[in-house]
Amino acid sequence: MDVEKVEAGPLSTNTYVVCMAEECIVIDPGGDADEVLARLRGRSVAAVVATHLHFDHVAAVPELAEATGAPFYAHPAD
């Protein structure tokens, strides 16, 4: 398993790209979608996940979901 931390966005939010082989999940993509996409290095994205829905944790979700075709998950109570 490979875990990369990306600090991005106006609040330098920690975004995590977690991969096993050629499949990844992206956790809390709150900043620069281009930086996250670069870290993927062509690997597929199984899911985009938010730990909570503050803007600094989800700002890049629409762009990442569109670029990768991955579903977005967050707790329904948030």
PDB file of N, CA and C in Angstrom:
ATOM      1  N   MET A   1       0.853  -1.177   0.000  1.00  0.00           N
ATOM      2  CA  MET A   1       0.000   0.000   0.000  1.00  0.00           C
ATOM      3  C   MET A   1       0.891   1.230   0.000  1.00  0.00           C
ATOM      4  N   ASP A   2       0.499   2.192  -0.814  1.00  0.00           N
ATOM      5  CA  ASP A   2       1.235   3.442  -0.957  1.00  0.00           C
ATOM      6  C   ASP A   2       0.328   4.576  -0.505  1.00  0.00           C
ATOM      7  N   VAL A   3       0.805   5.429   0.409  1.00  0.00           N
ATOM      8  CA  VAL A   3       0.031   6.572   0.890  1.00  0.00           C
ATOM      9  C   VAL A   3       0.845   7.833   0.639  1.00  0.00           C
ATOM     10  N   GLU A   4       0.246   8.770  -0.082  1.00  0.00           N
ATOM     11  CA  GLU A   4       0.900  10.055  -0.323  1.00  0.00           C
ATOM     12  C   GLU A   4       0.034  11.161   0.243  1.00  0.00           C
ATOM     13  N   LYS A   5       0.673  12.102   0.937  1.00  0.00           N
ATOM     14  CA  LYS A   5      -0.029  13.269   1.476  1.00  0.00           C
ATOM     15  C   LYS A   5       0.228  14.449   0.549  1.00  0.00           C
ATOM     16  N   VAL A   6      -0.854  15.149   0.194  1.00  0.00           N
ATOM     17  CA  VAL A   6      -0.772  16.338  -0.630  1.00  0.00           C
ATOM     18  C   VAL A   6      -1.348  17.486   0.183  1.00  0.00           C
ATOM     19  N   GLU A   7      -0.560  18.526   0.439  1.00  0.00           N
ATOM     20  CA  GLU A   7      -1.061  19.707   1.138  1.00  0.00           C
ATOM     21  C   GLU A   7      -1.453  20.731   0.088  1.00  0.00           C
ATOM     22  N   ALA A   8      -2.745  21.059   0.045  1.00  0.00           N
ATOM     23  CA  ALA A   8      -3.208  21.958  -1.013  1.00  0.00           C
ATOM     24  C   ALA A   8      -4.404  22.771  -0.553  1.00  0.00           C
ATOM     25  N   GLY A   9      -4.738  23.749  -1.368  1.00  0.00           N
ATOM     26  CA  GLY A   9      -5.897  24.588  -1.090  1.00  0.00           C
ATOM     27  C   GLY A   9      -5.538  25.768  -0.218  1.00  0.00           C
ATOM     28  N   PRO A  10      -6.513  26.642   0.007  1.00  0.00           N
ATOM     29  CA  PRO A  10      -6.253  27.881   0.748  1.00  0.00           C
ATOM     30  C   PRO A  10      -5.850  27.657   2.202  1.00  0.00           C
ATOM     31  N   LEU A  11      -6.203  26.510   2.762  1.00  0.00           N
ATOM     32  CA  LEU A  11      -5.854  26.224   4.161  1.00  0.00           C
ATOM     33  C   LEU A  11      -4.812  25.111   4.287  1.00  0.00           C
ATOM     34  N   SER A  12      -4.162  24.777   3.181  1.00  0.00           N
ATOM     35  CA  SER A  12      -3.165  23.691   3.155  1.00  0.00           C
ATOM     36  C   SER A  12      -3.721  22.408   3.769  1.00  0.00           C
ATOM     37  N   THR A  13      -4.895  22.045   3.340  1.00  0.00           N
ATOM     38  CA  THR A  13      -5.556  20.841   3.829  1.00  0.00           C
ATOM     39  C   THR A  13      -4.784  19.601   3.401  1.00  0.00           C
ATOM     40  N   ASN A  14      -4.712  18.623   4.285  1.00  0.00           N
ATOM     41  CA  ASN A  14      -4.075  17.351   3.958  1.00  0.00           C
ATOM     42  C   ASN A  14      -5.037  16.495   3.149  1.00  0.00           C
ATOM     43  N   THR A  15      -4.640  16.192   1.929  1.00  0.00           N
ATOM     44  CA  THR A  15      -5.349  15.264   1.065  1.00  0.00           C
ATOM     45  C   THR A  15      -4.495  14.017   0.976  1.00  0.00           C
ATOM     46  N   TYR A  16      -5.127  12.851   0.991  1.00  0.00           N
ATOM     47  CA  TYR A  16      -4.372  11.598   0.930  1.00  0.00           C
ATOM     48  C   TYR A  16      -4.756  10.821  -0.316  1.00  0.00           C
ATOM     49  N   VAL A  17      -3.739  10.314  -1.003  1.00  0.00           N
ATOM     50  CA  VAL A  17      -3.908   9.424  -2.139  1.00  0.00           C
ATOM     51  C   VAL A  17      -3.394   8.064  -1.676  1.00  0.00           C
ATOM     52  N   VAL A  18      -4.309   7.114  -1.526  1.00  0.00           N
ATOM     53  CA  VAL A  18      -3.985   5.791  -0.991  1.00  0.00           C
ATOM     54  C   VAL A  18      -4.166   4.774  -2.118  1.00  0.00           C
ATOM     55  N   CYS A  19      -3.082   4.052  -2.433  1.00  0.00           N
ATOM     56  CA  CYS A  19      -3.118   3.147  -3.582  1.00  0.00           C
ATOM     57  C   CYS A  19      -2.619   1.756  -3.225  1.00  0.00           C
ATOM     58  N   MET A  20      -3.243   0.785  -3.863  1.00  0.00           N
ATOM     59  CA  MET A  20      -2.755  -0.594  -3.883  1.00  0.00           C
ATOM     60  C   MET A  20      -2.627  -0.949  -5.349  1.00  0.00           C
ATOM     61  N   ALA A  21      -1.401  -1.204  -5.743  1.00  0.00           N
ATOM     62  CA  ALA A  21      -1.112  -1.496  -7.148  1.00  0.00           C
ATOM     63  C   ALA A  21      -1.585  -0.325  -8.000  1.00  0.00           C
ATOM     64  N   GLU A  22      -2.524  -0.558  -8.897  1.00  0.00           N
ATOM     65  CA  GLU A  22      -2.958   0.478  -9.835  1.00  0.00           C
ATOM     66  C   GLU A  22      -4.325   1.074  -9.493  1.00  0.00           C
ATOM     67  N   GLU A  23      -4.831   0.841  -8.270  1.00  0.00           N
ATOM     68  CA  GLU A  23      -6.129   1.378  -7.868  1.00  0.00           C
ATOM     69  C   GLU A  23      -5.969   2.216  -6.610  1.00  0.00           C
ATOM     70  N   CYS A  24      -6.609   3.384  -6.605  1.00  0.00           N
ATOM     71  CA  CYS A  24      -6.443   4.334  -5.506  1.00  0.00           C
ATOM     72  C   CYS A  24      -7.794   4.809  -4.970  1.00  0.00           C
ATOM     73  N   ILE A  25      -7.741   5.373  -3.768  1.00  0.00           N
ATOM     74  CA  ILE A  25      -8.825   6.199  -3.260  1.00  0.00           C
ATOM     75  C   ILE A  25      -8.202   7.542  -2.904  1.00  0.00           C
ATOM     76  N   VAL A  26      -8.994   8.582  -2.998  1.00  0.00           N
ATOM     77  CA  VAL A  26      -8.549   9.927  -2.638  1.00  0.00           C
ATOM     78  C   VAL A  26      -9.387  10.368  -1.456  1.00  0.00           C
ATOM     79  N   ILE A  27      -8.715  10.799  -0.394  1.00  0.00           N
ATOM     80  CA  ILE A  27      -9.397  11.188   0.841  1.00  0.00           C
ATOM     81  C   ILE A  27      -9.214  12.687   1.066  1.00  0.00           C
ATOM     82  N   ASP A  28     -10.313  13.388   1.282  1.00  0.00           N
ATOM     83  CA  ASP A  28     -10.349  14.822   1.587  1.00  0.00           C
ATOM     84  C   ASP A  28      -9.671  15.703   0.540  1.00  0.00           C
ATOM     85  N   PRO A  29     -10.152  15.651  -0.706  1.00  0.00           N
ATOM     86  CA  PRO A  29      -9.545  16.468  -1.753  1.00  0.00           C
ATOM     87  C   PRO A  29     -10.003  17.926  -1.687  1.00  0.00           C
ATOM     88  N   GLY A  30      -9.383  18.672  -0.810  1.00  0.00           N
ATOM     89  CA  GLY A  30      -9.846  20.023  -0.554  1.00  0.00           C
ATOM     90  C   GLY A  30      -9.159  21.110  -1.326  1.00  0.00           C
ATOM     91  N   GLY A  31      -8.197  20.756  -2.131  1.00  0.00           N
ATOM     92  CA  GLY A  31      -7.452  21.819  -2.790  1.00  0.00           C
ATOM     93  C   GLY A  31      -7.304  21.635  -4.270  1.00  0.00           C
ATOM     94  N   ASP A  32      -6.111  21.467  -4.689  1.00  0.00           N
ATOM     95  CA  ASP A  32      -5.727  21.476  -6.093  1.00  0.00           C
ATOM     96  C   ASP A  32      -5.950  20.120  -6.750  1.00  0.00           C
ATOM     97  N   ALA A  33      -7.009  20.007  -7.541  1.00  0.00           N
ATOM     98  CA  ALA A  33      -7.307  18.740  -8.215  1.00  0.00           C
ATOM     99  C   ALA A  33      -6.186  18.340  -9.161  1.00  0.00           C
ATOM    100  N   ASP A  34      -5.548  19.311  -9.804  1.00  0.00           N
ATOM    101  CA  ASP A  34      -4.458  18.991 -10.732  1.00  0.00           C
ATOM    102  C   ASP A  34      -3.296  18.322 -10.007  1.00  0.00           C
ATOM    103  N   GLU A  35      -2.986  18.776  -8.813  1.00  0.00           N
ATOM    104  CA  GLU A  35      -1.903  18.162  -8.037  1.00  0.00           C
ATOM    105  C   GLU A  35      -2.256  16.728  -7.662  1.00  0.00           C
ATOM    106  N   VAL A  36      -3.492  16.500  -7.270  1.00  0.00           N
ATOM    107  CA  VAL A  36      -3.922  15.138  -6.933  1.00  0.00           C
ATOM    108  C   VAL A  36      -3.870  14.240  -8.166  1.00  0.00           C
ATOM    109  N   LEU A  37      -4.364  14.738  -9.285  1.00  0.00           N
ATOM    110  CA  LEU A  37      -4.336  13.952 -10.524  1.00  0.00           C
ATOM    111  C   LEU A  37      -2.902  13.615 -10.917  1.00  0.00           C
ATOM    112  N   ALA A  38      -1.982  14.529 -10.708  1.00  0.00           N
ATOM    113  CA  ALA A  38      -0.573  14.260 -11.010  1.00  0.00           C
ATOM    114  C   ALA A  38      -0.026  13.153 -10.122  1.00  0.00           C
ATOM    115  N   ARG A  39      -0.431  13.139  -8.853  1.00  0.00           N
ATOM    116  CA  ARG A  39       0.033  12.110  -7.918  1.00  0.00           C
ATOM    117  C   ARG A  39      -0.510  10.732  -8.266  1.00  0.00           C
ATOM    118  N   LEU A  40      -1.619  10.688  -8.971  1.00  0.00           N
ATOM    119  CA  LEU A  40      -2.202   9.396  -9.359  1.00  0.00           C
ATOM    120  C   LEU A  40      -1.347   8.683 -10.407  1.00  0.00           C
ATOM    121  N   ARG A  41      -0.617   9.452 -11.188  1.00  0.00           N
ATOM    122  CA  ARG A  41       0.270   8.894 -12.213  1.00  0.00           C
ATOM    123  C   ARG A  41      -0.422   7.843 -13.088  1.00  0.00           C
ATOM    124  N   GLY A  42      -1.660   8.176 -13.511  1.00  0.00           N
ATOM    125  CA  GLY A  42      -2.381   7.300 -14.416  1.00  0.00           C
ATOM    126  C   GLY A  42      -3.118   6.138 -13.774  1.00  0.00           C
ATOM    127  N   ARG A  43      -3.010   5.989 -12.461  1.00  0.00           N
ATOM    128  CA  ARG A  43      -3.726   4.899 -11.785  1.00  0.00           C
ATOM    129  C   ARG A  43      -5.211   5.227 -11.695  1.00  0.00           C
ATOM    130  N   SER A  44      -6.038   4.204 -11.586  1.00  0.00           N
ATOM    131  CA  SER A  44      -7.483   4.408 -11.505  1.00  0.00           C
ATOM    132  C   SER A  44      -7.889   4.820 -10.090  1.00  0.00           C
ATOM    133  N   VAL A  45      -9.050   5.465  -9.990  1.00  0.00           N
ATOM    134  CA  VAL A  45      -9.579   5.899  -8.694  1.00  0.00           C
ATOM    135  C   VAL A  45     -10.881   5.153  -8.435  1.00  0.00           C
ATOM    136  N   ALA A  46     -10.901   4.372  -7.366  1.00  0.00           N
ATOM    137  CA  ALA A  46     -12.081   3.604  -7.001  1.00  0.00           C
ATOM    138  C   ALA A  46     -13.109   4.472  -6.289  1.00  0.00           C
ATOM    139  N   ALA A  47     -12.635   5.503  -5.572  1.00  0.00           N
ATOM    140  CA  ALA A  47     -13.549   6.364  -4.818  1.00  0.00           C
ATOM    141  C   ALA A  47     -12.846   7.641  -4.387  1.00  0.00           C
ATOM    142  N   VAL A  48     -13.653   8.680  -4.227  1.00  0.00           N
ATOM    143  CA  VAL A  48     -13.236   9.926  -3.597  1.00  0.00           C
ATOM    144  C   VAL A  48     -14.041  10.006  -2.308  1.00  0.00           C
ATOM    145  N   VAL A  49     -13.360  10.188  -1.183  1.00  0.00           N
ATOM    146  CA  VAL A  49     -13.996  10.103   0.133  1.00  0.00           C
ATOM    147  C   VAL A  49     -13.707  11.371   0.932  1.00  0.00           C
ATOM    148  N   ALA A  50     -14.721  11.876   1.631  1.00  0.00           N
ATOM    149  CA  ALA A  50     -14.531  13.011   2.538  1.00  0.00           C
ATOM    150  C   ALA A  50     -14.793  12.558   3.961  1.00  0.00           C
ATOM    151  N   THR A  51     -13.893  12.944   4.864  1.00  0.00           N
ATOM    152  CA  THR A  51     -14.104  12.635   6.278  1.00  0.00           C
ATOM    153  C   THR A  51     -15.200  13.508   6.868  1.00  0.00           C
ATOM    154  N   HIS A  52     -15.365  14.702   6.299  1.00  0.00           N
ATOM    155  CA  HIS A  52     -16.468  15.601   6.637  1.00  0.00           C
ATOM    156  C   HIS A  52     -16.584  16.616   5.505  1.00  0.00           C
ATOM    157  N   LEU A  53     -17.643  17.404   5.501  1.00  0.00           N
ATOM    158  CA  LEU A  53     -17.959  18.210   4.331  1.00  0.00           C
ATOM    159  C   LEU A  53     -17.613  19.693   4.447  1.00  0.00           C
ATOM    160  N   HIS A  54     -16.616  20.048   5.240  1.00  0.00           N
ATOM    161  CA  HIS A  54     -16.153  21.432   5.231  1.00  0.00           C
ATOM    162  C   HIS A  54     -15.518  21.723   3.870  1.00  0.00           C
ATOM    163  N   PHE A  55     -15.641  22.974   3.416  1.00  0.00           N
ATOM    164  CA  PHE A  55     -15.178  23.327   2.070  1.00  0.00           C
ATOM    165  C   PHE A  55     -13.730  22.953   1.820  1.00  0.00           C
ATOM    166  N   ASP A  56     -12.898  23.062   2.856  1.00  0.00           N
ATOM    167  CA  ASP A  56     -11.474  22.787   2.664  1.00  0.00           C
ATOM    168  C   ASP A  56     -11.177  21.290   2.535  1.00  0.00           C
ATOM    169  N   HIS A  57     -12.183  20.452   2.676  1.00  0.00           N
ATOM    170  CA  HIS A  57     -12.012  19.003   2.502  1.00  0.00           C
ATOM    171  C   HIS A  57     -12.706  18.480   1.239  1.00  0.00           C
ATOM    172  N   VAL A  58     -13.494  19.328   0.581  1.00  0.00           N
ATOM    173  CA  VAL A  58     -14.256  18.837  -0.581  1.00  0.00           C
ATOM    174  C   VAL A  58     -14.177  19.733  -1.818  1.00  0.00           C
ATOM    175  N   ALA A  59     -13.402  20.787  -1.791  1.00  0.00           N
ATOM    176  CA  ALA A  59     -13.393  21.744  -2.907  1.00  0.00           C
ATOM    177  C   ALA A  59     -13.051  21.107  -4.251  1.00  0.00           C
ATOM    178  N   ALA A  60     -12.187  20.104  -4.264  1.00  0.00           N
ATOM    179  CA  ALA A  60     -11.758  19.492  -5.529  1.00  0.00           C
ATOM    180  C   ALA A  60     -12.597  18.276  -5.923  1.00  0.00           C
ATOM    181  N   VAL A  61     -13.603  17.927  -5.140  1.00  0.00           N
ATOM    182  CA  VAL A  61     -14.401  16.726  -5.429  1.00  0.00           C
ATOM    183  C   VAL A  61     -15.031  16.756  -6.825  1.00  0.00           C
ATOM    184  N   PRO A  62     -15.747  17.812  -7.216  1.00  0.00           N
ATOM    185  CA  PRO A  62     -16.390  17.770  -8.538  1.00  0.00           C
ATOM    186  C   PRO A  62     -15.389  17.533  -9.677  1.00  0.00           C
ATOM    187  N   GLU A  63     -14.276  18.235  -9.633  1.00  0.00           N
ATOM    188  CA  GLU A  63     -13.281  18.090 -10.695  1.00  0.00           C
ATOM    189  C   GLU A  63     -12.656  16.697 -10.701  1.00  0.00           C
ATOM    190  N   LEU A  64     -12.336  16.160  -9.516  1.00  0.00           N
ATOM    191  CA  LEU A  64     -11.749  14.816  -9.445  1.00  0.00           C
ATOM    192  C   LEU A  64     -12.739  13.747  -9.883  1.00  0.00           C
ATOM    193  N   ALA A  65     -13.973  13.843  -9.427  1.00  0.00           N
ATOM    194  CA  ALA A  65     -14.979  12.851  -9.794  1.00  0.00           C
ATOM    195  C   ALA A  65     -15.209  12.861 -11.306  1.00  0.00           C
ATOM    196  N   GLU A  66     -15.262  14.052 -11.898  1.00  0.00           N
ATOM    197  CA  GLU A  66     -15.460  14.144 -13.346  1.00  0.00           C
ATOM    198  C   GLU A  66     -14.251  13.599 -14.108  1.00  0.00           C
ATOM    199  N   ALA A  67     -13.059  13.935 -13.655  1.00  0.00           N
ATOM    200  CA  ALA A  67     -11.840  13.514 -14.353  1.00  0.00           C
ATOM    201  C   ALA A  67     -11.593  12.011 -14.258  1.00  0.00           C
ATOM    202  N   THR A  68     -12.011  11.405 -13.149  1.00  0.00           N
ATOM    203  CA  THR A  68     -11.699   9.990 -12.924  1.00  0.00           C
ATOM    204  C   THR A  68     -12.901   9.065 -13.080  1.00  0.00           C
ATOM    205  N   GLY A  69     -14.112   9.615 -13.032  1.00  0.00           N
ATOM    206  CA  GLY A  69     -15.315   8.785 -13.068  1.00  0.00           C
ATOM    207  C   GLY A  69     -15.586   8.082 -11.750  1.00  0.00           C
ATOM    208  N   ALA A  70     -14.858   8.445 -10.703  1.00  0.00           N
ATOM    209  CA  ALA A  70     -15.002   7.797  -9.397  1.00  0.00           C
ATOM    210  C   ALA A  70     -16.220   8.327  -8.648  1.00  0.00           C
ATOM    211  N   PRO A  71     -16.868   7.476  -7.864  1.00  0.00           N
ATOM    212  CA  PRO A  71     -17.967   7.937  -7.017  1.00  0.00           C
ATOM    213  C   PRO A  71     -17.426   8.713  -5.824  1.00  0.00           C
ATOM    214  N   PHE A  72     -18.280   9.574  -5.269  1.00  0.00           N
ATOM    215  CA  PHE A  72     -17.924  10.352  -4.087  1.00  0.00           C
ATOM    216  C   PHE A  72     -18.707   9.824  -2.897  1.00  0.00           C
ATOM    217  N   TYR A  73     -18.011   9.638  -1.769  1.00  0.00           N
ATOM    218  CA  TYR A  73     -18.649   9.144  -0.555  1.00  0.00           C
ATOM    219  C   TYR A  73     -18.381  10.072   0.622  1.00  0.00           C
ATOM    220  N   ALA A  74     -19.419  10.288   1.409  1.00  0.00           N
ATOM    221  CA  ALA A  74     -19.334  11.024   2.669  1.00  0.00           C
ATOM    222  C   ALA A  74     -20.434  10.482   3.564  1.00  0.00           C
ATOM    223  N   HIS A  75     -20.288  10.665   4.851  1.00  0.00           N
ATOM    224  CA  HIS A  75     -21.307  10.196   5.774  1.00  0.00           C
ATOM    225  C   HIS A  75     -22.601  10.976   5.536  1.00  0.00           C
ATOM    226  N   PRO A  76     -23.742  10.287   5.443  1.00  0.00           N
ATOM    227  CA  PRO A  76     -24.996  10.983   5.139  1.00  0.00           C
ATOM    228  C   PRO A  76     -25.440  11.966   6.218  1.00  0.00           C
ATOM    229  N   ALA A  77     -24.950  11.849   7.439  1.00  0.00           N
ATOM    230  CA  ALA A  77     -25.351  12.770   8.499  1.00  0.00           C
ATOM    231  C   ALA A  77     -24.556  14.079   8.457  1.00  0.00           C
ATOM    232  N   ASP A  78     -23.545  14.136   7.606  1.00  0.00           N
ATOM    233  CA  ASP A  78     -22.727  15.352   7.569  1.00  0.00           C
ATOM    234  C   ASP A  78     -23.309  16.362   6.620  1.00  0.00           C
TER     235      ASP A  78
END
